PDB file of N, CA and C in Angstrom:
ATOM      1  N   MET A   1    -179.864 -60.991  74.638  1.00  0.00           N
ATOM      2  CA  MET A   1    -179.611 -59.492  74.939  1.00  0.00           C
ATOM      3  C   MET A   1    -179.300 -59.126  73.184  1.00  0.00           C
ATOM      4  N   ILE A   2    -178.289 -60.030  72.889  1.00  0.00           N
ATOM      5  CA  ILE A   2    -177.530 -59.188  71.719  1.00  0.00           C
ATOM      6  C   ILE A   2    -178.400 -59.256  70.762  1.00  0.00           C
ATOM      7  N   LEU A   3    -179.435 -60.499  70.595  1.00  0.00           N
ATOM      8  CA  LEU A   3    -179.861 -60.291  69.317  1.00  0.00           C
ATOM      9  C   LEU A   3    -181.192 -59.092  69.231  1.00  0.00           C
ATOM     10  N   VAL A   4    -181.527 -59.199  70.474  1.00  0.00           N
ATOM     11  CA  VAL A   4    -182.640 -57.509  70.807  1.00  0.00           C
ATOM     12  C   VAL A   4    -181.649 -56.174  70.344  1.00  0.00           C
ATOM     13  N   LEU A   5    -180.739 -56.349  70.466  1.00  0.00           N
ATOM     14  CA  LEU A   5    -179.600 -54.895  70.022  1.00  0.00           C
ATOM     15  C   LEU A   5    -179.706 -54.750  68.600  1.00  0.00           C
ATOM     16  N   LEU A   6    -179.375 -55.958  68.084  1.00  0.00           N
ATOM     17  CA  LEU A   6    -179.351 -56.375  66.954  1.00  0.00           C
ATOM     18  C   LEU A   6    -180.574 -56.064  65.775  1.00  0.00           C
ATOM     19  N   LEU A   7    -181.543 -56.512  66.417  1.00  0.00           N
ATOM     20  CA  LEU A   7    -182.780 -56.127  65.627  1.00  0.00           C
ATOM     21  C   LEU A   7    -183.430 -54.399  66.067  1.00  0.00           C
ATOM     22  N   LEU A   8    -183.172 -54.141  67.127  1.00  0.00           N
ATOM     23  CA  LEU A   8    -183.071 -52.733  67.472  1.00  0.00           C
ATOM     24  C   LEU A   8    -182.310 -51.838  66.439  1.00  0.00           C
ATOM     25  N   SER A   9    -181.281 -52.458  66.227  1.00  0.00           N
ATOM     26  CA  SER A   9    -180.182 -51.574  65.419  1.00  0.00           C
ATOM     27  C   SER A   9    -180.405 -51.689  63.826  1.00  0.00           C
ATOM     28  N   ILE A  10    -181.433 -52.693  63.739  1.00  0.00           N
ATOM     29  CA  ILE A  10    -181.482 -52.366  61.730  1.00  0.00           C
ATOM     30  C   ILE A  10    -183.044 -51.870  62.227  1.00  0.00           C
ATOM     31  N   ALA A  11    -183.945 -52.013  63.214  1.00  0.00           N
ATOM     32  CA  ALA A  11    -185.156 -51.218  62.879  1.00  0.00           C
ATOM     33  C   ALA A  11    -185.067 -50.027  62.954  1.00  0.00           C
ATOM     34  N   LEU A  12    -184.156 -49.447  64.022  1.00  0.00           N
ATOM     35  CA  LEU A  12    -183.799 -48.049  64.472  1.00  0.00           C
ATOM     36  C   LEU A  12    -183.006 -47.140  63.591  1.00  0.00           C
ATOM     37  N   GLY A  13    -181.713 -47.909  62.821  1.00  0.00           N
ATOM     38  CA  GLY A  13    -180.818 -47.073  61.769  1.00  0.00           C
ATOM     39  C   GLY A  13    -180.785 -47.644  60.778  1.00  0.00           C
ATOM     40  N   GLY A  14    -181.239 -48.681  60.827  1.00  0.00           N
ATOM     41  CA  GLY A  14    -180.836 -49.334  59.127  1.00  0.00           C
ATOM     42  C   GLY A  14    -179.400 -49.958  58.863  1.00  0.00           C
ATOM     43  N   ALA A  15    -178.616 -49.184  57.687  1.00  0.00           N
ATOM     44  CA  ALA A  15    -177.794 -49.584  57.439  1.00  0.00           C
ATOM     45  C   ALA A  15    -176.794 -49.175  58.878  1.00  0.00           C
ATOM     46  N   CYS A  16    -176.641 -47.856  58.632  1.00  0.00           N
ATOM     47  CA  CYS A  16    -176.016 -46.846  59.924  1.00  0.00           C
ATOM     48  C   CYS A  16    -176.168 -47.965  61.445  1.00  0.00           C
ATOM     49  N   GLY A  17    -177.441 -48.453  61.837  1.00  0.00           N
ATOM     50  CA  GLY A  17    -177.431 -48.801  63.252  1.00  0.00           C
ATOM     51  C   GLY A  17    -176.821 -49.585  63.016  1.00  0.00           C
ATOM     52  N   LEU A  18    -176.450 -51.315  62.061  1.00  0.00           N
ATOM     53  CA  LEU A  18    -176.286 -52.301  62.174  1.00  0.00           C
ATOM     54  C   LEU A  18    -174.848 -51.971  62.001  1.00  0.00           C
ATOM     55  N   THR A  19    -174.329 -51.198  61.267  1.00  0.00           N
ATOM     56  CA  THR A  19    -172.996 -50.795  61.198  1.00  0.00           C
ATOM     57  C   THR A  19    -172.614 -50.712  62.614  1.00  0.00           C
ATOM     58  N   ALA A  20    -172.963 -49.906  63.470  1.00  0.00           N
ATOM     59  CA  ALA A  20    -172.835 -49.633  64.940  1.00  0.00           C
ATOM     60  C   ALA A  20    -173.075 -50.977  65.767  1.00  0.00           C
ATOM     61  N   PHE A  21    -173.739 -51.360  65.486  1.00  0.00           N
ATOM     62  CA  PHE A  21    -173.633 -52.663  66.234  1.00  0.00           C
ATOM     63  C   PHE A  21    -172.596 -53.892  65.523  1.00  0.00           C
ATOM     64  N   LEU A  22    -172.327 -53.464  64.547  1.00  0.00           N
ATOM     65  CA  LEU A  22    -170.878 -54.497  63.891  1.00  0.00           C
ATOM     66  C   LEU A  22    -169.766 -53.935  64.697  1.00  0.00           C
ATOM     67  N   CYS A  23    -169.839 -52.794  64.895  1.00  0.00           N
ATOM     68  CA  CYS A  23    -168.593 -51.959  65.346  1.00  0.00           C
ATOM     69  C   CYS A  23    -167.949 -52.076  66.754  1.00  0.00           C
ATOM     70  N   ASP A  24    -169.920 -52.060  67.653  1.00  0.00           N
ATOM     71  CA  ASP A  24    -169.425 -51.801  68.930  1.00  0.00           C
ATOM     72  C   ASP A  24    -169.809 -53.175  69.970  1.00  0.00           C
ATOM     73  N   TYR A  25    -170.273 -53.971  68.947  1.00  0.00           N
ATOM     74  CA  TYR A  25    -171.146 -54.964  69.620  1.00  0.00           C
ATOM     75  C   TYR A  25    -171.954 -54.626  70.515  1.00  0.00           C
ATOM     76  N   GLY A  26    -172.587 -53.952  70.261  1.00  0.00           N
ATOM     77  CA  GLY A  26    -174.089 -53.860  71.521  1.00  0.00           C
ATOM     78  C   GLY A  26    -173.880 -52.716  72.308  1.00  0.00           C
ATOM     79  N   MET A  27    -172.281 -52.282  72.176  1.00  0.00           N
ATOM     80  CA  MET A  27    -173.110 -50.807  72.994  1.00  0.00           C
ATOM     81  C   MET A  27    -173.809 -50.165  73.129  1.00  0.00           C
ATOM     82  N   PHE A  28    -174.893 -49.594  74.015  1.00  0.00           N
ATOM     83  CA  PHE A  28    -175.808 -49.377  73.816  1.00  0.00           C
ATOM     84  C   PHE A  28    -175.804 -47.639  73.488  1.00  0.00           C
ATOM     85  N   GLN A  29    -175.062 -47.141  74.090  1.00  0.00           N
ATOM     86  CA  GLN A  29    -174.746 -45.233  73.582  1.00  0.00           C
ATOM     87  C   GLN A  29    -173.986 -45.481  72.246  1.00  0.00           C
ATOM     88  N   SER A  30    -173.629 -45.873  71.515  1.00  0.00           N
ATOM     89  CA  SER A  30    -173.071 -46.075  70.079  1.00  0.00           C
ATOM     90  C   SER A  30    -174.121 -46.549  69.505  1.00  0.00           C
ATOM     91  N   LEU A  31    -175.385 -47.229  69.945  1.00  0.00           N
ATOM     92  CA  LEU A  31    -176.215 -47.944  69.281  1.00  0.00           C
ATOM     93  C   LEU A  31    -177.065 -47.110  68.794  1.00  0.00           C
ATOM     94  N   VAL A  32    -177.798 -46.159  69.818  1.00  0.00           N
ATOM     95  CA  VAL A  32    -178.711 -45.696  70.163  1.00  0.00           C
ATOM     96  C   VAL A  32    -178.072 -44.111  68.639  1.00  0.00           C
ATOM     97  N   ILE A  33    -176.606 -43.552  69.117  1.00  0.00           N
ATOM     98  CA  ILE A  33    -176.674 -42.260  68.335  1.00  0.00           C
ATOM     99  C   ILE A  33    -176.385 -42.485  67.232  1.00  0.00           C
ATOM    100  N   TYR A  34    -175.613 -44.075  66.715  1.00  0.00           N
ATOM    101  CA  TYR A  34    -175.995 -44.339  64.984  1.00  0.00           C
ATOM    102  C   TYR A  34    -177.512 -44.475  64.411  1.00  0.00           C
ATOM    103  N   ALA A  35    -178.036 -45.273  65.836  1.00  0.00           N
ATOM    104  CA  ALA A  35    -179.516 -45.200  64.756  1.00  0.00           C
ATOM    105  C   ALA A  35    -180.297 -43.429  64.646  1.00  0.00           C
ATOM    106  N   VAL A  36    -179.452 -42.777  65.298  1.00  0.00           N
ATOM    107  CA  VAL A  36    -180.220 -41.115  64.807  1.00  0.00           C
ATOM    108  C   VAL A  36    -179.512 -40.796  63.654  1.00  0.00           C
ATOM    109  N   ALA A  37    -178.505 -40.806  63.997  1.00  0.00           N
ATOM    110  CA  ALA A  37    -177.850 -40.878  62.761  1.00  0.00           C
ATOM    111  C   ALA A  37    -177.763 -41.517  61.278  1.00  0.00           C
ATOM    112  N   GLY A  38    -178.629 -43.016  61.537  1.00  0.00           N
ATOM    113  CA  GLY A  38    -179.390 -43.380  59.911  1.00  0.00           C
ATOM    114  C   GLY A  38    -180.470 -42.596  59.591  1.00  0.00           C
ATOM    115  N   GLN A  39    -180.743 -41.995  60.393  1.00  0.00           N
ATOM    116  CA  GLN A  39    -182.279 -41.447  60.318  1.00  0.00           C
ATOM    117  C   GLN A  39    -182.003 -39.969  59.549  1.00  0.00           C
ATOM    118  N   LEU A  40    -180.605 -39.213  60.380  1.00  0.00           N
ATOM    119  CA  LEU A  40    -180.692 -37.735  59.585  1.00  0.00           C
ATOM    120  C   LEU A  40    -181.118 -37.757  58.246  1.00  0.00           C
ATOM    121  N   PRO A  41    -180.598 -38.509  57.235  1.00  0.00           N
ATOM    122  CA  PRO A  41    -180.795 -38.241  55.852  1.00  0.00           C
ATOM    123  C   PRO A  41    -182.490 -38.137  55.813  1.00  0.00           C
ATOM    124  N   PHE A  42    -183.152 -39.188  56.442  1.00  0.00           N
ATOM    125  CA  PHE A  42    -184.646 -39.388  55.647  1.00  0.00           C
ATOM    126  C   PHE A  42    -185.225 -38.114  56.680  1.00  0.00           C
ATOM    127  N   LEU A  43    -184.696 -37.072  57.670  1.00  0.00           N
ATOM    128  CA  LEU A  43    -185.214 -36.178  58.367  1.00  0.00           C
ATOM    129  C   LEU A  43    -184.861 -34.713  57.664  1.00  0.00           C
ATOM    130  N   LEU A  44    -183.445 -35.112  56.820  1.00  0.00           N
ATOM    131  CA  LEU A  44    -183.012 -33.263  56.801  1.00  0.00           C
ATOM    132  C   LEU A  44    -183.917 -33.759  55.252  1.00  0.00           C
ATOM    133  N   ALA A  45    -184.040 -34.518  54.074  1.00  0.00           N
ATOM    134  CA  ALA A  45    -184.329 -34.383  52.863  1.00  0.00           C
ATOM    135  C   ALA A  45    -185.559 -33.307  52.615  1.00  0.00           C
ATOM    136  N   PRO A  46    -186.753 -33.718  53.498  1.00  0.00           N
ATOM    137  CA  PRO A  46    -187.587 -32.298  53.117  1.00  0.00           C
ATOM    138  C   PRO A  46    -187.114 -31.004  53.541  1.00  0.00           C
ATOM    139  N   LEU A  47    -185.833 -31.010  54.378  1.00  0.00           N
ATOM    140  CA  LEU A  47    -185.392 -29.734  54.278  1.00  0.00           C
ATOM    141  C   LEU A  47    -185.154 -28.741  53.389  1.00  0.00           C
ATOM    142  N   MET A  48    -183.719 -29.935  52.928  1.00  0.00           N
ATOM    143  CA  MET A  48    -182.504 -29.639  51.297  1.00  0.00           C
ATOM    144  C   MET A  48    -183.296 -29.676  50.625  1.00  0.00           C
ATOM    145  N   GLY A  49    -184.616 -30.327  50.283  1.00  0.00           N
ATOM    146  CA  GLY A  49    -185.051 -30.585  48.710  1.00  0.00           C
ATOM    147  C   GLY A  49    -185.414 -29.367  48.215  1.00  0.00           C
ATOM    148  N   PRO A  50    -186.172 -28.533  49.077  1.00  0.00           N
ATOM    149  CA  PRO A  50    -186.489 -27.271  48.166  1.00  0.00           C
ATOM    150  C   PRO A  50    -185.482 -26.369  47.556  1.00  0.00           C
ATOM    151  N   MET A  51    -184.490 -26.534  48.585  1.00  0.00           N
ATOM    152  CA  MET A  51    -183.256 -25.488  48.735  1.00  0.00           C
ATOM    153  C   MET A  51    -182.537 -25.878  47.112  1.00  0.00           C
ATOM    154  N   LEU A  52    -182.455 -27.030  47.259  1.00  0.00           N
ATOM    155  CA  LEU A  52    -181.360 -27.900  46.016  1.00  0.00           C
ATOM    156  C   LEU A  52    -182.847 -27.844  44.812  1.00  0.00           C
ATOM    157  N   GLY A  53    -183.920 -27.837  44.744  1.00  0.00           N
ATOM    158  CA  GLY A  53    -184.712 -27.591  43.823  1.00  0.00           C
ATOM    159  C   GLY A  53    -185.012 -29.390  43.367  1.00  0.00           C
ATOM    160  N   ILE A  54    -184.870 -30.347  44.082  1.00  0.00           N
ATOM    161  CA  ILE A  54    -185.472 -32.068  43.784  1.00  0.00           C
ATOM    162  C   ILE A  54    -186.807 -31.690  44.191  1.00  0.00           C
ATOM    163  N   PHE A  55    -187.600 -31.298  45.010  1.00  0.00           N
ATOM    164  CA  PHE A  55    -189.242 -31.482  44.942  1.00  0.00           C
ATOM    165  C   PHE A  55    -189.805 -29.624  44.835  1.00  0.00           C
ATOM    166  N   THR A  56    -189.310 -29.333  43.837  1.00  0.00           N
ATOM    167  CA  THR A  56    -189.945 -28.364  43.242  1.00  0.00           C
ATOM    168  C   THR A  56    -191.012 -28.673  42.198  1.00  0.00           C
ATOM    169  N   PRO A  57    -191.854 -28.680  41.855  1.00  0.00           N
ATOM    170  CA  PRO A  57    -192.343 -29.133  40.566  1.00  0.00           C
ATOM    171  C   PRO A  57    -192.494 -28.183  39.972  1.00  0.00           C
ATOM    172  N   SER A  58    -192.118 -28.537  38.217  1.00  0.00           N
ATOM    173  CA  SER A  58    -192.488 -27.516  37.350  1.00  0.00           C
ATOM    174  C   SER A  58    -193.704 -27.290  36.916  1.00  0.00           C
ATOM    175  N   GLU A  59    -194.619 -27.891  36.999  1.00  0.00           N
ATOM    176  CA  GLU A  59    -196.144 -27.587  36.847  1.00  0.00           C
ATOM    177  C   GLU A  59    -196.987 -27.491  38.355  1.00  0.00           C
ATOM    178  N   PRO A  60    -198.075 -26.483  38.240  1.00  0.00           N
ATOM    179  CA  PRO A  60    -198.704 -26.453  39.609  1.00  0.00           C
ATOM    180  C   PRO A  60    -199.833 -27.571  39.952  1.00  0.00           C
ATOM    181  N   ASP A  61    -199.628 -28.657  40.753  1.00  0.00           N
ATOM    182  CA  ASP A  61    -200.129 -30.000  41.117  1.00  0.00           C
ATOM    183  C   ASP A  61    -201.579 -29.344  41.261  1.00  0.00           C
ATOM    184  N   ARG A  62    -202.417 -30.364  40.224  1.00  0.00           N
ATOM    185  CA  ARG A  62    -203.486 -30.550  40.083  1.00  0.00           C
ATOM    186  C   ARG A  62    -204.066 -31.476  40.459  1.00  0.00           C
ATOM    187  N   THR A  63    -203.723 -31.994  40.855  1.00  0.00           N
ATOM    188  CA  THR A  63    -204.270 -33.779  41.771  1.00  0.00           C
ATOM    189  C   THR A  63    -205.028 -32.976  42.986  1.00  0.00           C
ATOM    190  N   GLN A  64    -204.600 -31.773  43.713  1.00  0.00           N
ATOM    191  CA  GLN A  64    -205.543 -31.523  44.872  1.00  0.00           C
ATOM    192  C   GLN A  64    -206.591 -30.948  44.872  1.00  0.00           C
ATOM    193  N   ALA A  65    -207.354 -31.367  45.307  1.00  0.00           N
ATOM    194  CA  ALA A  65    -209.080 -31.192  45.377  1.00  0.00           C
ATOM    195  C   ALA A  65    -208.839 -29.577  46.304  1.00  0.00           C
ATOM    196  N   TYR A  66    -209.595 -28.786  45.440  1.00  0.00           N
ATOM    197  CA  TYR A  66    -210.002 -27.269  46.275  1.00  0.00           C
ATOM    198  C   TYR A  66    -210.436 -27.005  47.139  1.00  0.00           C
ATOM    199  N   HIS A  67    -209.974 -26.310  47.936  1.00  0.00           N
ATOM    200  CA  HIS A  67    -210.667 -26.003  49.373  1.00  0.00           C
ATOM    201  C   HIS A  67    -212.245 -25.195  49.219  1.00  0.00           C
ATOM    202  N   PRO A  68    -213.581 -25.150  49.442  1.00  0.00           N
ATOM    203  CA  PRO A  68    -214.338 -24.230  48.769  1.00  0.00           C
ATOM    204  C   PRO A  68    -213.939 -22.707  49.114  1.00  0.00           C
ATOM    205  N   GLY A  69    -213.488 -22.407  50.118  1.00  0.00           N
ATOM    206  CA  GLY A  69    -213.826 -21.397  50.547  1.00  0.00           C
ATOM    207  C   GLY A  69    -212.416 -20.764  49.758  1.00  0.00           C
ATOM    208  N   PHE A  70    -211.644 -20.976  49.112  1.00  0.00           N
ATOM    209  CA  PHE A  70    -210.475 -20.691  48.076  1.00  0.00           C
ATOM    210  C   PHE A  70    -210.138 -21.029  47.108  1.00  0.00           C
ATOM    211  N   ALA A  71    -209.954 -19.929  45.991  1.00  0.00           N
ATOM    212  CA  ALA A  71    -209.947 -19.733  45.000  1.00  0.00           C
ATOM    213  C   ALA A  71    -208.844 -20.822  44.395  1.00  0.00           C
ATOM    214  N   PRO A  72    -208.446 -21.167  43.343  1.00  0.00           N
ATOM    215  CA  PRO A  72    -207.603 -21.994  42.887  1.00  0.00           C
ATOM    216  C   PRO A  72    -206.108 -20.654  42.314  1.00  0.00           C
ATOM    217  N   LEU A  73    -205.152 -21.352  42.570  1.00  0.00           N
ATOM    218  CA  LEU A  73    -204.313 -20.406  42.767  1.00  0.00           C
ATOM    219  C   LEU A  73    -203.930 -19.612  41.413  1.00  0.00           C
ATOM    220  N   GLU A  74    -204.260 -20.371  40.502  1.00  0.00           N
ATOM    221  CA  GLU A  74    -204.439 -19.557  39.220  1.00  0.00           C
ATOM    222  C   GLU A  74    -205.084 -18.454  38.539  1.00  0.00           C
ATOM    223  N   ALA A  75    -206.655 -18.748  39.749  1.00  0.00           N
ATOM    224  CA  ALA A  75    -207.313 -17.503  39.587  1.00  0.00           C
ATOM    225  C   ALA A  75    -207.081 -16.073  40.611  1.00  0.00           C
ATOM    226  N   ARG A  76    -206.222 -16.525  41.559  1.00  0.00           N
ATOM    227  CA  ARG A  76    -205.070 -15.379  42.329  1.00  0.00           C
ATOM    228  C   ARG A  76    -205.180 -13.993  41.338  1.00  0.00           C
TER     229      ARG A  76
END
């Protein structure tokens, strides 16, 4: 049972889940809380990136194929 909780903490929360497991020694509620907290940076990055200018490209993305029904952005 302890091994299963350890594997779950690593799989669901990464370092935060592992830390929760080591600190709380298998208390499931804390494991779930820290597993979710371990995912928060990955969940918030797409929301915070544009505000901080991290994911804003300096040039238009020309790698995307244009949809036949729409003109390219440069032509609008």
